[in-house]
Amino acid sequence: MKTDIKHLAAYAATAIWADGEYDAAEKIALEEIAEAYEVDYALLTQEVEAALEEIKDKSEEEIDEYLRAHSVEVEEDEAELIYMAALQIVLVDGVLGAEEVNNLLSIASTLGMDDEMAVLLLADMVKEEPELVVEF
């Protein structure tokens, strides 16, 4: 991955922030993301934990500003990969809530993705998770 790991970590942390829990499943998802994107897992974890600390008390508006600041450093051809990593983190716990969907759409928007593409990628991933619980 050409995008600096701290920017990937910022988006991963924001995906974790959506449900307020950094649990074992999300740590496993980070390990899979690190392997798939060929980045150092220990460094990614360190950067995610630093990002979580930075954003823990931020409002949704402040999170959007935070993501916009990081988005300018994301390689254009890697924006969809970062969104897919966020999707993986959000879905790993088997529950998809309205706040998480809102967060995913914000992530996609700051990455310059159309809402339609973001929703289609989410729908594609959801159909591969037959046990997923959708909470309204």
Protein backbone atom coordinates (compact mmCIF):
# COMPACT_ATOMS: atom_id res chain seq x y z
CA MET A 1 0.00 0.00 0.00
CA LYS A 2 1.38 3.36 -1.02
CA THR A 3 -0.82 5.36 1.38
CA ASP A 4 0.95 5.98 4.69
CA ILE A 5 -0.19 3.54 7.37
CA LYS A 6 -1.32 6.36 9.68
CA HIS A 7 -4.03 7.35 7.19
CA LEU A 8 -5.26 3.77 6.88
CA ALA A 9 -5.23 3.64 10.69
CA ALA A 10 -7.29 6.84 10.92
CA TYR A 11 -10.03 5.29 8.79
CA ALA A 12 -9.82 1.97 10.65
CA ALA A 13 -10.12 3.78 13.98
CA THR A 14 -13.14 5.69 12.74
CA ALA A 15 -14.79 2.43 11.71
CA ILE A 16 -14.08 1.03 15.19
CA TRP A 17 -15.36 4.26 16.79
CA ALA A 18 -18.78 3.80 15.16
CA ASP A 19 -19.90 1.22 17.71
CA GLY A 20 -17.64 2.39 20.52
CA GLU A 21 -15.98 -0.98 21.09
CA TYR A 22 -12.49 -2.10 20.16
CA ASP A 23 -12.86 -5.82 20.63
CA ALA A 24 -11.03 -9.02 19.71
CA ALA A 25 -12.94 -9.45 16.44
CA GLU A 26 -11.87 -5.99 15.26
CA LYS A 27 -8.27 -6.79 16.18
CA ILE A 28 -8.48 -9.94 14.06
CA ALA A 29 -9.94 -7.88 11.20
CA LEU A 30 -6.98 -5.49 11.51
CA GLU A 31 -4.61 -8.43 11.30
CA GLU A 32 -6.33 -9.62 8.11
CA ILE A 33 -6.25 -6.11 6.66
CA ALA A 34 -2.54 -5.77 7.48
CA GLU A 35 -1.83 -9.05 5.73
CA ALA A 36 -3.97 -8.25 2.69
CA TYR A 37 -2.52 -4.75 2.28
CA GLU A 38 1.02 -5.87 3.13
CA VAL A 39 1.53 -3.51 6.05
CA ASP A 40 3.08 -4.25 9.42
CA TYR A 41 0.35 -5.45 11.81
CA ALA A 42 2.09 -4.22 14.97
CA LEU A 43 2.57 -0.76 13.47
CA LEU A 44 -1.02 -0.68 12.18
CA THR A 45 -2.31 -1.64 15.63
CA GLN A 46 -0.16 1.04 17.26
CA GLU A 47 -1.40 3.69 14.81
CA VAL A 48 -5.05 2.60 15.24
CA GLU A 49 -4.78 2.79 19.02
CA ALA A 50 -3.25 6.27 18.78
CA ALA A 51 -6.02 7.34 16.40
CA LEU A 52 -8.70 5.90 18.70
CA GLU A 53 -7.28 7.95 21.56
CA GLU A 54 -7.31 11.05 19.37
CA ILE A 55 -10.93 10.67 18.24
CA LYS A 56 -12.56 9.16 21.35
CA ASP A 57 -14.32 12.37 22.45
CA LYS A 58 -14.98 13.90 19.04
CA SER A 59 -18.42 14.69 17.67
CA GLU A 60 -19.58 13.36 14.29
CA GLU A 61 -18.74 16.73 12.71
CA GLU A 62 -15.26 16.65 14.21
CA ILE A 63 -14.79 13.07 12.95
CA ASP A 64 -15.71 14.23 9.44
CA GLU A 65 -13.09 17.00 9.68
CA TYR A 66 -10.55 14.49 10.96
CA LEU A 67 -11.25 12.17 8.03
CA ARG A 68 -11.10 15.00 5.50
CA ALA A 69 -7.66 15.94 6.85
CA HIS A 70 -6.47 12.36 6.35
CA SER A 71 -8.19 11.88 2.99
CA VAL A 72 -5.90 14.33 1.21
CA GLU A 73 -3.02 11.93 1.92
CA VAL A 74 -4.81 8.82 0.60
CA GLU A 75 -3.67 7.63 -2.82
CA GLU A 76 -6.67 8.03 -5.15
CA ASP A 77 -6.40 4.47 -6.45
CA GLU A 78 -6.43 3.15 -2.85
CA ALA A 79 -9.55 4.96 -1.61
CA GLU A 80 -11.80 1.99 -2.32
CA LEU A 81 -9.38 -0.36 -0.54
CA ILE A 82 -9.51 1.81 2.57
CA TYR A 83 -13.31 1.87 2.40
CA MET A 84 -13.36 -1.93 2.09
CA ALA A 85 -11.15 -2.16 5.18
CA ALA A 86 -13.63 0.02 7.07
CA LEU A 87 -16.47 -2.22 5.86
CA GLN A 88 -14.66 -5.30 7.11
CA ILE A 89 -14.12 -3.74 10.53
CA VAL A 90 -17.73 -2.61 10.85
CA LEU A 91 -19.18 -5.98 9.82
CA VAL A 92 -16.80 -8.24 11.76
CA ASP A 93 -18.95 -8.20 14.91
CA GLY A 94 -21.97 -9.54 12.99
CA VAL A 95 -24.13 -6.48 13.67
CA LEU A 96 -24.79 -3.50 11.40
CA GLY A 97 -26.48 -0.49 12.97
CA ALA A 98 -27.76 2.79 11.59
CA GLU A 99 -24.88 4.76 13.15
CA GLU A 100 -22.38 2.43 11.52
CA VAL A 101 -24.02 2.92 8.11
CA ASN A 102 -23.94 6.69 8.61
CA ASN A 103 -20.28 6.44 9.57
CA LEU A 104 -19.51 4.32 6.50
CA LEU A 105 -21.17 6.87 4.23
CA SER A 106 -19.07 9.63 5.84
CA ILE A 107 -15.95 7.55 5.31
CA ALA A 108 -16.85 7.00 1.66
CA SER A 109 -17.62 10.67 1.14
CA THR A 110 -14.30 11.85 2.58
CA LEU A 111 -12.56 9.33 0.31
CA GLY A 112 -14.29 10.90 -2.70
CA MET A 113 -16.58 7.96 -3.36
CA ASP A 114 -20.16 8.30 -4.59
CA ASP A 115 -22.86 7.28 -2.10
CA GLU A 116 -24.19 4.83 -4.68
CA MET A 117 -20.88 3.00 -4.95
CA ALA A 118 -20.47 2.96 -1.17
CA VAL A 119 -23.95 1.48 -0.70
CA LEU A 120 -23.40 -1.12 -3.43
CA LEU A 121 -20.10 -2.23 -1.88
CA LEU A 122 -21.80 -2.43 1.51
CA ALA A 123 -24.71 -4.44 0.05
CA ASP A 124 -22.27 -6.78 -1.67
CA MET A 125 -20.45 -7.44 1.60
CA VAL A 126 -23.70 -7.81 3.55
CA LYS A 127 -24.97 -10.52 1.21
CA GLU A 128 -21.82 -12.53 1.99
CA GLU A 129 -22.63 -12.38 5.71
CA PRO A 130 -25.85 -14.44 6.05
CA GLU A 131 -25.74 -14.29 9.87
CA LEU A 132 -25.47 -10.48 9.95
CA VAL A 133 -27.99 -8.74 12.20
CA VAL A 134 -29.22 -5.38 10.93
CA GLU A 135 -30.37 -3.04 13.68
CA PHE A 136 -32.50 0.01 12.97
